[in-house]
């Protein structure tokens, strides 16, 4: 198996290892106020919106807790329902 975020030997990096490596880059760029958590949440949300299962999301993001993973499909469902509601509203306004 090949990992997207890996060390020089191809072994998967854990969250703490990635966080430390990202901090070095963020300090060099003067972006210390940004965190690794935001992109991770964005990825999980986008995967949920794409219809991925909890297990698929966990495989990509590295989340260990199902309770954390399960919040993303809720947001995806809300977004989908809001789009559907807006479409219904637009049809009613035009019709």
PDB file of N, CA and C in Angstrom:
ATOM      1  N   UNK A   1       0.852  -1.176   0.000  1.00  0.00           N
ATOM      2  CA  UNK A   1       0.000   0.000   0.000  1.00  0.00           C
ATOM      3  C   UNK A   1       0.894   1.234   0.000  1.00  0.00           C
ATOM      4  N   UNK A   2       0.523   2.215  -0.793  1.00  0.00           N
ATOM      5  CA  UNK A   2       1.253   3.479  -0.832  1.00  0.00           C
ATOM      6  C   UNK A   2       0.408   4.548  -0.149  1.00  0.00           C
ATOM      7  N   UNK A   3       1.067   5.417   0.583  1.00  0.00           N
ATOM      8  CA  UNK A   3       0.379   6.456   1.339  1.00  0.00           C
ATOM      9  C   UNK A   3       0.660   7.823   0.729  1.00  0.00           C
ATOM     10  N   UNK A   4      -0.326   8.699   0.811  1.00  0.00           N
ATOM     11  CA  UNK A   4      -0.159  10.060   0.291  1.00  0.00           C
ATOM     12  C   UNK A   4       0.832  10.830   1.160  1.00  0.00           C
ATOM     13  N   UNK A   5       0.674  10.724   2.468  1.00  0.00           N
ATOM     14  CA  UNK A   5       1.575  11.397   3.404  1.00  0.00           C
ATOM     15  C   UNK A   5       2.427  10.328   4.061  1.00  0.00           C
ATOM     16  N   UNK A   6       3.681  10.222   3.605  1.00  0.00           N
ATOM     17  CA  UNK A   6       4.547   9.149   4.063  1.00  0.00           C
ATOM     18  C   UNK A   6       5.935   9.682   4.397  1.00  0.00           C
ATOM     19  N   UNK A   7       6.652   8.894   5.201  1.00  0.00           N
ATOM     20  CA  UNK A   7       8.041   9.246   5.493  1.00  0.00           C
ATOM     21  C   UNK A   7       8.936   8.760   4.360  1.00  0.00           C
ATOM     22  N   UNK A   8      10.240   8.925   4.521  1.00  0.00           N
ATOM     23  CA  UNK A   8      11.167   8.570   3.448  1.00  0.00           C
ATOM     24  C   UNK A   8      11.187   7.069   3.147  1.00  0.00           C
ATOM     25  N   UNK A   9      10.594   6.257   4.030  1.00  0.00           N
ATOM     26  CA  UNK A   9      10.540   4.813   3.818  1.00  0.00           C
ATOM     27  C   UNK A   9       9.172   4.346   3.312  1.00  0.00           C
ATOM     28  N   UNK A  10       8.271   5.296   3.064  1.00  0.00           N
ATOM     29  CA  UNK A  10       6.950   4.955   2.552  1.00  0.00           C
ATOM     30  C   UNK A  10       5.918   4.628   3.616  1.00  0.00           C
ATOM     31  N   UNK A  11       6.290   4.760   4.886  1.00  0.00           N
ATOM     32  CA  UNK A  11       5.345   4.480   5.977  1.00  0.00           C
ATOM     33  C   UNK A  11       4.431   5.690   6.182  1.00  0.00           C
ATOM     34  N   UNK A  12       3.167   5.399   6.471  1.00  0.00           N
ATOM     35  CA  UNK A  12       2.189   6.461   6.684  1.00  0.00           C
ATOM     36  C   UNK A  12       2.588   7.334   7.870  1.00  0.00           C
ATOM     37  N   UNK A  13       2.405   8.643   7.707  1.00  0.00           N
ATOM     38  CA  UNK A  13       2.623   9.580   8.812  1.00  0.00           C
ATOM     39  C   UNK A  13       1.340   9.680   9.623  1.00  0.00           C
ATOM     40  N   UNK A  14       1.476   9.768  10.947  1.00  0.00           N
ATOM     41  CA  UNK A  14       0.282   9.963  11.760  1.00  0.00           C
ATOM     42  C   UNK A  14      -0.015  11.467  11.869  1.00  0.00           C
ATOM     43  N   UNK A  15      -1.130  11.803  12.479  1.00  0.00           N
ATOM     44  CA  UNK A  15      -1.576  13.199  12.556  1.00  0.00           C
ATOM     45  C   UNK A  15      -0.525  14.086  13.217  1.00  0.00           C
ATOM     46  N   UNK A  16       0.046  13.622  14.328  1.00  0.00           N
ATOM     47  CA  UNK A  16       1.041  14.435  15.039  1.00  0.00           C
ATOM     48  C   UNK A  16       2.283  14.695  14.191  1.00  0.00           C
ATOM     49  N   UNK A  17       2.715  13.689  13.445  1.00  0.00           N
ATOM     50  CA  UNK A  17       3.880  13.868  12.578  1.00  0.00           C
ATOM     51  C   UNK A  17       3.602  14.899  11.484  1.00  0.00           C
ATOM     52  N   UNK A  18       2.422  14.820  10.895  1.00  0.00           N
ATOM     53  CA  UNK A  18       2.052  15.773   9.850  1.00  0.00           C
ATOM     54  C   UNK A  18       1.935  17.167  10.447  1.00  0.00           C
ATOM     55  N   UNK A  19       1.320  17.261  11.619  1.00  0.00           N
ATOM     56  CA  UNK A  19       1.156  18.558  12.293  1.00  0.00           C
ATOM     57  C   UNK A  19       2.512  19.220  12.527  1.00  0.00           C
ATOM     58  N   UNK A  20       3.495  18.448  12.994  1.00  0.00           N
ATOM     59  CA  UNK A  20       4.829  18.997  13.255  1.00  0.00           C
ATOM     60  C   UNK A  20       5.504  19.467  11.968  1.00  0.00           C
ATOM     61  N   UNK A  21       5.384  18.674  10.916  1.00  0.00           N
ATOM     62  CA  UNK A  21       5.987  19.054   9.632  1.00  0.00           C
ATOM     63  C   UNK A  21       5.307  20.311   9.071  1.00  0.00           C
ATOM     64  N   UNK A  22       3.998  20.378   9.221  1.00  0.00           N
ATOM     65  CA  UNK A  22       3.256  21.539   8.730  1.00  0.00           C
ATOM     66  C   UNK A  22       3.616  22.790   9.532  1.00  0.00           C
ATOM     67  N   UNK A  23       3.868  22.648  10.825  1.00  0.00           N
ATOM     68  CA  UNK A  23       4.229  23.800  11.656  1.00  0.00           C
ATOM     69  C   UNK A  23       5.535  24.417  11.170  1.00  0.00           C
ATOM     70  N   UNK A  24       6.483  23.606  10.774  1.00  0.00           N
ATOM     71  CA  UNK A  24       7.753  24.114  10.253  1.00  0.00           C
ATOM     72  C   UNK A  24       7.493  24.976   9.021  1.00  0.00           C
ATOM     73  N   UNK A  25       6.662  24.478   8.125  1.00  0.00           N
ATOM     74  CA  UNK A  25       6.349  25.216   6.893  1.00  0.00           C
ATOM     75  C   UNK A  25       5.563  26.478   7.227  1.00  0.00           C
ATOM     76  N   UNK A  26       4.572  26.362   8.117  1.00  0.00           N
ATOM     77  CA  UNK A  26       3.756  27.522   8.479  1.00  0.00           C
ATOM     78  C   UNK A  26       4.607  28.617   9.110  1.00  0.00           C
ATOM     79  N   UNK A  27       5.569  28.240   9.958  1.00  0.00           N
ATOM     80  CA  UNK A  27       6.449  29.237  10.580  1.00  0.00           C
ATOM     81  C   UNK A  27       7.290  29.954   9.524  1.00  0.00           C
ATOM     82  N   UNK A  28       7.811  29.200   8.550  1.00  0.00           N
ATOM     83  CA  UNK A  28       8.614  29.803   7.487  1.00  0.00           C
ATOM     84  C   UNK A  28       7.797  30.786   6.656  1.00  0.00           C
ATOM     85  N   UNK A  29       6.513  30.480   6.470  1.00  0.00           N
ATOM     86  CA  UNK A  29       5.637  31.319   5.650  1.00  0.00           C
ATOM     87  C   UNK A  29       4.916  32.397   6.453  1.00  0.00           C
ATOM     88  N   UNK A  30       5.094  32.389   7.765  1.00  0.00           N
ATOM     89  CA  UNK A  30       4.404  33.365   8.609  1.00  0.00           C
ATOM     90  C   UNK A  30       2.919  33.087   8.726  1.00  0.00           C
ATOM     91  N   UNK A  31       2.547  31.814   8.713  1.00  0.00           N
ATOM     92  CA  UNK A  31       1.130  31.422   8.753  1.00  0.00           C
ATOM     93  C   UNK A  31       0.821  30.584   9.987  1.00  0.00           C
ATOM     94  N   UNK A  32       1.380  30.943  11.106  1.00  0.00           N
ATOM     95  CA  UNK A  32       1.201  30.150  12.320  1.00  0.00           C
ATOM     96  C   UNK A  32      -0.244  30.107  12.804  1.00  0.00           C
ATOM     97  N   UNK A  33      -1.049  31.097  12.418  1.00  0.00           N
ATOM     98  CA  UNK A  33      -2.431  31.139  12.906  1.00  0.00           C
ATOM     99  C   UNK A  33      -3.323  30.106  12.221  1.00  0.00           C
ATOM    100  N   UNK A  34      -2.852  29.510  11.133  1.00  0.00           N
ATOM    101  CA  UNK A  34      -3.641  28.499  10.439  1.00  0.00           C
ATOM    102  C   UNK A  34      -3.293  27.121  10.986  1.00  0.00           C
ATOM    103  N   UNK A  35      -4.273  26.218  10.971  1.00  0.00           N
ATOM    104  CA  UNK A  35      -4.034  24.888  11.525  1.00  0.00           C
ATOM    105  C   UNK A  35      -4.261  23.807  10.478  1.00  0.00           C
ATOM    106  N   UNK A  36      -3.812  22.628  10.802  1.00  0.00           N
ATOM    107  CA  UNK A  36      -4.018  21.467   9.943  1.00  0.00           C
ATOM    108  C   UNK A  36      -5.454  20.968  10.033  1.00  0.00           C
ATOM    109  N   UNK A  37      -6.119  21.333  11.102  1.00  0.00           N
ATOM    110  CA  UNK A  37      -7.478  20.842  11.346  1.00  0.00           C
ATOM    111  C   UNK A  37      -8.461  21.296  10.263  1.00  0.00           C
ATOM    112  N   UNK A  38      -8.343  22.515   9.776  1.00  0.00           N
ATOM    113  CA  UNK A  38      -9.275  23.032   8.774  1.00  0.00           C
ATOM    114  C   UNK A  38      -9.287  22.223   7.496  1.00  0.00           C
ATOM    115  N   UNK A  39      -8.134  21.990   6.873  1.00  0.00           N
ATOM    116  CA  UNK A  39      -8.131  21.180   5.651  1.00  0.00           C
ATOM    117  C   UNK A  39      -8.625  19.755   5.880  1.00  0.00           C
ATOM    118  N   UNK A  40      -8.353  19.203   7.042  1.00  0.00           N
ATOM    119  CA  UNK A  40      -8.822  17.849   7.362  1.00  0.00           C
ATOM    120  C   UNK A  40     -10.339  17.824   7.411  1.00  0.00           C
ATOM    121  N   UNK A  41     -10.922  18.824   8.069  1.00  0.00           N
ATOM    122  CA  UNK A  41     -12.385  18.898   8.132  1.00  0.00           C
ATOM    123  C   UNK A  41     -12.985  19.144   6.757  1.00  0.00           C
ATOM    124  N   UNK A  42     -12.345  19.995   5.982  1.00  0.00           N
ATOM    125  CA  UNK A  42     -12.834  20.255   4.629  1.00  0.00           C
ATOM    126  C   UNK A  42     -12.828  18.980   3.791  1.00  0.00           C
ATOM    127  N   UNK A  43     -11.748  18.225   3.894  1.00  0.00           N
ATOM    128  CA  UNK A  43     -11.662  16.966   3.146  1.00  0.00           C
ATOM    129  C   UNK A  43     -12.773  16.015   3.573  1.00  0.00           C
ATOM    130  N   UNK A  44     -12.993  15.899   4.878  1.00  0.00           N
ATOM    131  CA  UNK A  44     -14.037  15.000   5.375  1.00  0.00           C
ATOM    132  C   UNK A  44     -15.409  15.444   4.885  1.00  0.00           C
ATOM    133  N   UNK A  45     -15.669  16.737   4.903  1.00  0.00           N
ATOM    134  CA  UNK A  45     -16.955  17.254   4.434  1.00  0.00           C
ATOM    135  C   UNK A  45     -17.155  16.996   2.951  1.00  0.00           C
ATOM    136  N   UNK A  46     -16.113  17.227   2.168  1.00  0.00           N
ATOM    137  CA  UNK A  46     -16.218  17.004   0.727  1.00  0.00           C
ATOM    138  C   UNK A  46     -16.413  15.525   0.411  1.00  0.00           C
ATOM    139  N   UNK A  47     -15.753  14.655   1.156  1.00  0.00           N
ATOM    140  CA  UNK A  47     -15.944  13.218   0.959  1.00  0.00           C
ATOM    141  C   UNK A  47     -17.370  12.807   1.309  1.00  0.00           C
ATOM    142  N   UNK A  48     -17.905  13.384   2.389  1.00  0.00           N
ATOM    143  CA  UNK A  48     -19.286  13.084   2.773  1.00  0.00           C
ATOM    144  C   UNK A  48     -20.261  13.570   1.706  1.00  0.00           C
ATOM    145  N   UNK A  49     -20.028  14.770   1.181  1.00  0.00           N
ATOM    146  CA  UNK A  49     -20.888  15.306   0.124  1.00  0.00           C
ATOM    147  C   UNK A  49     -20.830  14.446  -1.127  1.00  0.00           C
ATOM    148  N   UNK A  50     -19.682  13.815  -1.366  1.00  0.00           N
ATOM    149  CA  UNK A  50     -19.522  12.954  -2.538  1.00  0.00           C
ATOM    150  C   UNK A  50     -20.192  11.600  -2.332  1.00  0.00           C
ATOM    151  N   UNK A  51     -20.670  11.343  -1.103  1.00  0.00           N
ATOM    152  CA  UNK A  51     -21.371  10.091  -0.834  1.00  0.00           C
ATOM    153  C   UNK A  51     -20.508   8.997  -0.242  1.00  0.00           C
ATOM    154  N   UNK A  52     -19.313   9.327   0.242  1.00  0.00           N
ATOM    155  CA  UNK A  52     -18.436   8.323   0.842  1.00  0.00           C
ATOM    156  C   UNK A  52     -19.012   7.827   2.164  1.00  0.00           C
ATOM    157  N   UNK A  53     -18.707   6.595   2.496  1.00  0.00           N
ATOM    158  CA  UNK A  53     -19.141   6.020   3.769  1.00  0.00           C
ATOM    159  C   UNK A  53     -18.259   6.539   4.896  1.00  0.00           C
ATOM    160  N   UNK A  54     -18.709   6.325   6.140  1.00  0.00           N
ATOM    161  CA  UNK A  54     -17.914   6.717   7.305  1.00  0.00           C
ATOM    162  C   UNK A  54     -16.534   6.058   7.262  1.00  0.00           C
ATOM    163  N   UNK A  55     -16.504   4.786   6.886  1.00  0.00           N
ATOM    164  CA  UNK A  55     -15.246   4.052   6.836  1.00  0.00           C
ATOM    165  C   UNK A  55     -14.320   4.619   5.760  1.00  0.00           C
ATOM    166  N   UNK A  56     -14.863   5.001   4.622  1.00  0.00           N
ATOM    167  CA  UNK A  56     -14.045   5.597   3.568  1.00  0.00           C
ATOM    168  C   UNK A  56     -13.483   6.944   4.011  1.00  0.00           C
ATOM    169  N   UNK A  57     -14.307   7.745   4.670  1.00  0.00           N
ATOM    170  CA  UNK A  57     -13.848   9.036   5.172  1.00  0.00           C
ATOM    171  C   UNK A  57     -12.714   8.830   6.174  1.00  0.00           C
ATOM    172  N   UNK A  58     -12.882   7.888   7.096  1.00  0.00           N
ATOM    173  CA  UNK A  58     -11.853   7.606   8.106  1.00  0.00           C
ATOM    174  C   UNK A  58     -10.562   7.133   7.455  1.00  0.00           C
ATOM    175  N   UNK A  59     -10.677   6.355   6.397  1.00  0.00           N
ATOM    176  CA  UNK A  59      -9.483   5.856   5.714  1.00  0.00           C
ATOM    177  C   UNK A  59      -8.668   6.996   5.110  1.00  0.00           C
ATOM    178  N   UNK A  60      -9.345   8.037   4.657  1.00  0.00           N
ATOM    179  CA  UNK A  60      -8.658   9.177   4.048  1.00  0.00           C
ATOM    180  C   UNK A  60      -8.154  10.156   5.110  1.00  0.00           C
ATOM    181  N   UNK A  61      -9.016  10.496   6.064  1.00  0.00           N
ATOM    182  CA  UNK A  61      -8.682  11.562   7.014  1.00  0.00           C
ATOM    183  C   UNK A  61      -7.928  11.084   8.242  1.00  0.00           C
ATOM    184  N   UNK A  62      -8.003   9.791   8.538  1.00  0.00           N
ATOM    185  CA  UNK A  62      -7.340   9.263   9.720  1.00  0.00           C
ATOM    186  C   UNK A  62      -8.132   9.427  10.996  1.00  0.00           C
ATOM    187  N   UNK A  63      -9.384   9.870  10.903  1.00  0.00           N
ATOM    188  CA  UNK A  63     -10.218   9.978  12.102  1.00  0.00           C
ATOM    189  C   UNK A  63     -10.375   8.593  12.725  1.00  0.00           C
ATOM    190  N   UNK A  64     -10.304   8.514  14.033  1.00  0.00           N
ATOM    191  CA  UNK A  64     -10.478   7.247  14.742  1.00  0.00           C
ATOM    192  C   UNK A  64     -11.874   7.126  15.347  1.00  0.00           C
ATOM    193  N   UNK A  65     -12.489   8.242  15.657  1.00  0.00           N
ATOM    194  CA  UNK A  65     -13.784   8.259  16.331  1.00  0.00           C
ATOM    195  C   UNK A  65     -14.920   8.355  15.321  1.00  0.00           C
ATOM    196  N   UNK A  66     -15.830   7.385  15.374  1.00  0.00           N
ATOM    197  CA  UNK A  66     -16.990   7.432  14.477  1.00  0.00           C
ATOM    198  C   UNK A  66     -17.876   8.634  14.776  1.00  0.00           C
ATOM    199  N   UNK A  67     -17.913   9.067  16.038  1.00  0.00           N
ATOM    200  CA  UNK A  67     -18.745  10.231  16.361  1.00  0.00           C
ATOM    201  C   UNK A  67     -18.234  11.477  15.640  1.00  0.00           C
ATOM    202  N   UNK A  68     -16.918  11.595  15.487  1.00  0.00           N
ATOM    203  CA  UNK A  68     -16.365  12.737  14.753  1.00  0.00           C
ATOM    204  C   UNK A  68     -16.705  12.629  13.268  1.00  0.00           C
ATOM    205  N   UNK A  69     -16.583  11.442  12.720  1.00  0.00           N
ATOM    206  CA  UNK A  69     -16.833  11.244  11.299  1.00  0.00           C
ATOM    207  C   UNK A  69     -18.306  11.468  10.970  1.00  0.00           C
ATOM    208  N   UNK A  70     -19.178  11.071  11.846  1.00  0.00           N
ATOM    209  CA  UNK A  70     -20.619  11.133  11.569  1.00  0.00           C
ATOM    210  C   UNK A  70     -21.165  12.555  11.502  1.00  0.00           C
ATOM    211  N   UNK A  71     -20.404  13.537  11.970  1.00  0.00           N
ATOM    212  CA  UNK A  71     -20.901  14.907  11.878  1.00  0.00           C
ATOM    213  C   UNK A  71     -20.815  15.440  10.444  1.00  0.00           C
ATOM    214  N   UNK A  72     -19.913  14.887   9.638  1.00  0.00           N
ATOM    215  CA  UNK A  72     -19.730  15.379   8.268  1.00  0.00           C
ATOM    216  C   UNK A  72     -20.887  15.029   7.347  1.00  0.00           C
ATOM    217  N   UNK A  73     -21.412  13.798   7.375  1.00  0.00           N
ATOM    218  CA  UNK A  73     -22.586  13.522   6.530  1.00  0.00           C
ATOM    219  C   UNK A  73     -23.793  14.379   6.895  1.00  0.00           C
ATOM    220  N   UNK A  74     -23.920  14.746   8.170  1.00  0.00           N
ATOM    221  CA  UNK A  74     -25.032  15.617   8.574  1.00  0.00           C
ATOM    222  C   UNK A  74     -24.931  16.956   7.864  1.00  0.00           C
ATOM    223  N   UNK A  75     -23.742  17.516   7.833  1.00  0.00           N
ATOM    224  CA  UNK A  75     -23.534  18.780   7.128  1.00  0.00           C
ATOM    225  C   UNK A  75     -23.760  18.631   5.642  1.00  0.00           C
ATOM    226  N   UNK A  76     -23.336  17.501   5.080  1.00  0.00           N
ATOM    227  CA  UNK A  76     -23.534  17.250   3.652  1.00  0.00           C
ATOM    228  C   UNK A  76     -25.018  17.122   3.346  1.00  0.00           C
ATOM    229  N   UNK A  77     -25.753  16.435   4.218  1.00  0.00           N
ATOM    230  CA  UNK A  77     -27.192  16.290   4.023  1.00  0.00           C
ATOM    231  C   UNK A  77     -27.893  17.645   4.107  1.00  0.00           C
ATOM    232  N   UNK A  78     -27.476  18.464   5.045  1.00  0.00           N
ATOM    233  CA  UNK A  78     -28.074  19.790   5.184  1.00  0.00           C
ATOM    234  C   UNK A  78     -27.824  20.615   3.932  1.00  0.00           C
ATOM    235  N   UNK A  79     -26.620  20.558   3.413  1.00  0.00           N
ATOM    236  CA  UNK A  79     -26.286  21.315   2.206  1.00  0.00           C
ATOM    237  C   UNK A  79     -27.120  20.826   1.018  1.00  0.00           C
ATOM    238  N   UNK A  80     -27.227  19.493   0.878  1.00  0.00           N
ATOM    239  CA  UNK A  80     -28.014  18.923  -0.216  1.00  0.00           C
ATOM    240  C   UNK A  80     -29.482  19.316  -0.085  1.00  0.00           C
ATOM    241  N   UNK A  81     -30.042  19.219   1.125  1.00  0.00           N
ATOM    242  CA  UNK A  81     -31.436  19.576   1.350  1.00  0.00           C
ATOM    243  C   UNK A  81     -31.681  21.057   1.088  1.00  0.00           C
ATOM    244  N   UNK A  82     -30.725  21.902   1.457  1.00  0.00           N
ATOM    245  CA  UNK A  82     -30.866  23.339   1.207  1.00  0.00           C
ATOM    246  C   UNK A  82     -30.894  23.624  -0.294  1.00  0.00           C
ATOM    247  N   UNK A  83     -30.047  22.939  -1.059  1.00  0.00           N
ATOM    248  CA  UNK A  83     -30.047  23.118  -2.518  1.00  0.00           C
ATOM    249  C   UNK A  83     -31.370  22.660  -3.115  1.00  0.00           C
ATOM    250  N   UNK A  84     -31.880  21.518  -2.633  1.00  0.00           N
ATOM    251  CA  UNK A  84     -33.163  21.017  -3.128  1.00  0.00           C
ATOM    252  C   UNK A  84     -34.291  21.997  -2.795  1.00  0.00           C
ATOM    253  N   UNK A  85     -34.280  22.531  -1.582  1.00  0.00           N
ATOM    254  CA  UNK A  85     -35.311  23.480  -1.171  1.00  0.00           C
ATOM    255  C   UNK A  85     -35.257  24.743  -2.020  1.00  0.00           C
ATOM    256  N   UNK A  86     -34.045  25.210  -2.310  1.00  0.00           N
ATOM    257  CA  UNK A  86     -33.893  26.398  -3.142  1.00  0.00           C
ATOM    258  C   UNK A  86     -34.430  26.144  -4.548  1.00  0.00           C
ATOM    259  N   UNK A  87     -34.196  24.953  -5.083  1.00  0.00           N
ATOM    260  CA  UNK A  87     -34.711  24.610  -6.410  1.00  0.00           C
ATOM    261  C   UNK A  87     -36.236  24.610  -6.420  1.00  0.00           C
ATOM    262  N   UNK A  88     -36.837  24.053  -5.369  1.00  0.00           N
ATOM    263  CA  UNK A  88     -38.305  24.044  -5.261  1.00  0.00           C
ATOM    264  C   UNK A  88     -38.820  25.480  -5.194  1.00  0.00           C
ATOM    265  N   UNK A  89     -38.172  26.294  -4.410  1.00  0.00           N
ATOM    266  CA  UNK A  89     -38.576  27.703  -4.269  1.00  0.00           C
ATOM    267  C   UNK A  89     -38.499  28.420  -5.612  1.00  0.00           C
ATOM    268  N   UNK A  90     -37.397  28.222  -6.327  1.00  0.00           N
ATOM    269  CA  UNK A  90     -37.230  28.869  -7.624  1.00  0.00           C
ATOM    270  C   UNK A  90     -38.294  28.420  -8.637  1.00  0.00           C
ATOM    271  N   UNK A  91     -38.614  27.132  -8.596  1.00  0.00           N
ATOM    272  CA  UNK A  91     -39.670  26.638  -9.509  1.00  0.00           C
ATOM    273  C   UNK A  91     -41.010  27.270  -9.176  1.00  0.00           C
ATOM    274  N   UNK A  92     -41.314  27.436  -7.910  1.00  0.00           N
ATOM    275  CA  UNK A  92     -42.592  28.019  -7.472  1.00  0.00           C
ATOM    276  C   UNK A  92     -42.671  29.502  -7.788  1.00  0.00           C
ATOM    277  N   UNK A  93     -41.550  30.198  -7.680  1.00  0.00           N
ATOM    278  CA  UNK A  93     -41.526  31.626  -7.979  1.00  0.00           C
ATOM    279  C   UNK A  93     -41.728  31.844  -9.484  1.00  0.00           C
ATOM    280  N   UNK A  94     -41.110  30.996 -10.300  1.00  0.00           N
ATOM    281  CA  UNK A  94     -41.230  31.126 -11.765  1.00  0.00           C
ATOM    282  C   UNK A  94     -42.584  30.662 -12.257  1.00  0.00           C
ATOM    283  N   UNK A  95     -43.162  29.705 -11.567  1.00  0.00           N
ATOM    284  CA  UNK A  95     -44.404  29.089 -12.040  1.00  0.00           C
ATOM    285  C   UNK A  95     -45.596  29.774 -11.545  1.00  0.00           C
TER     286      UNK A  95
END
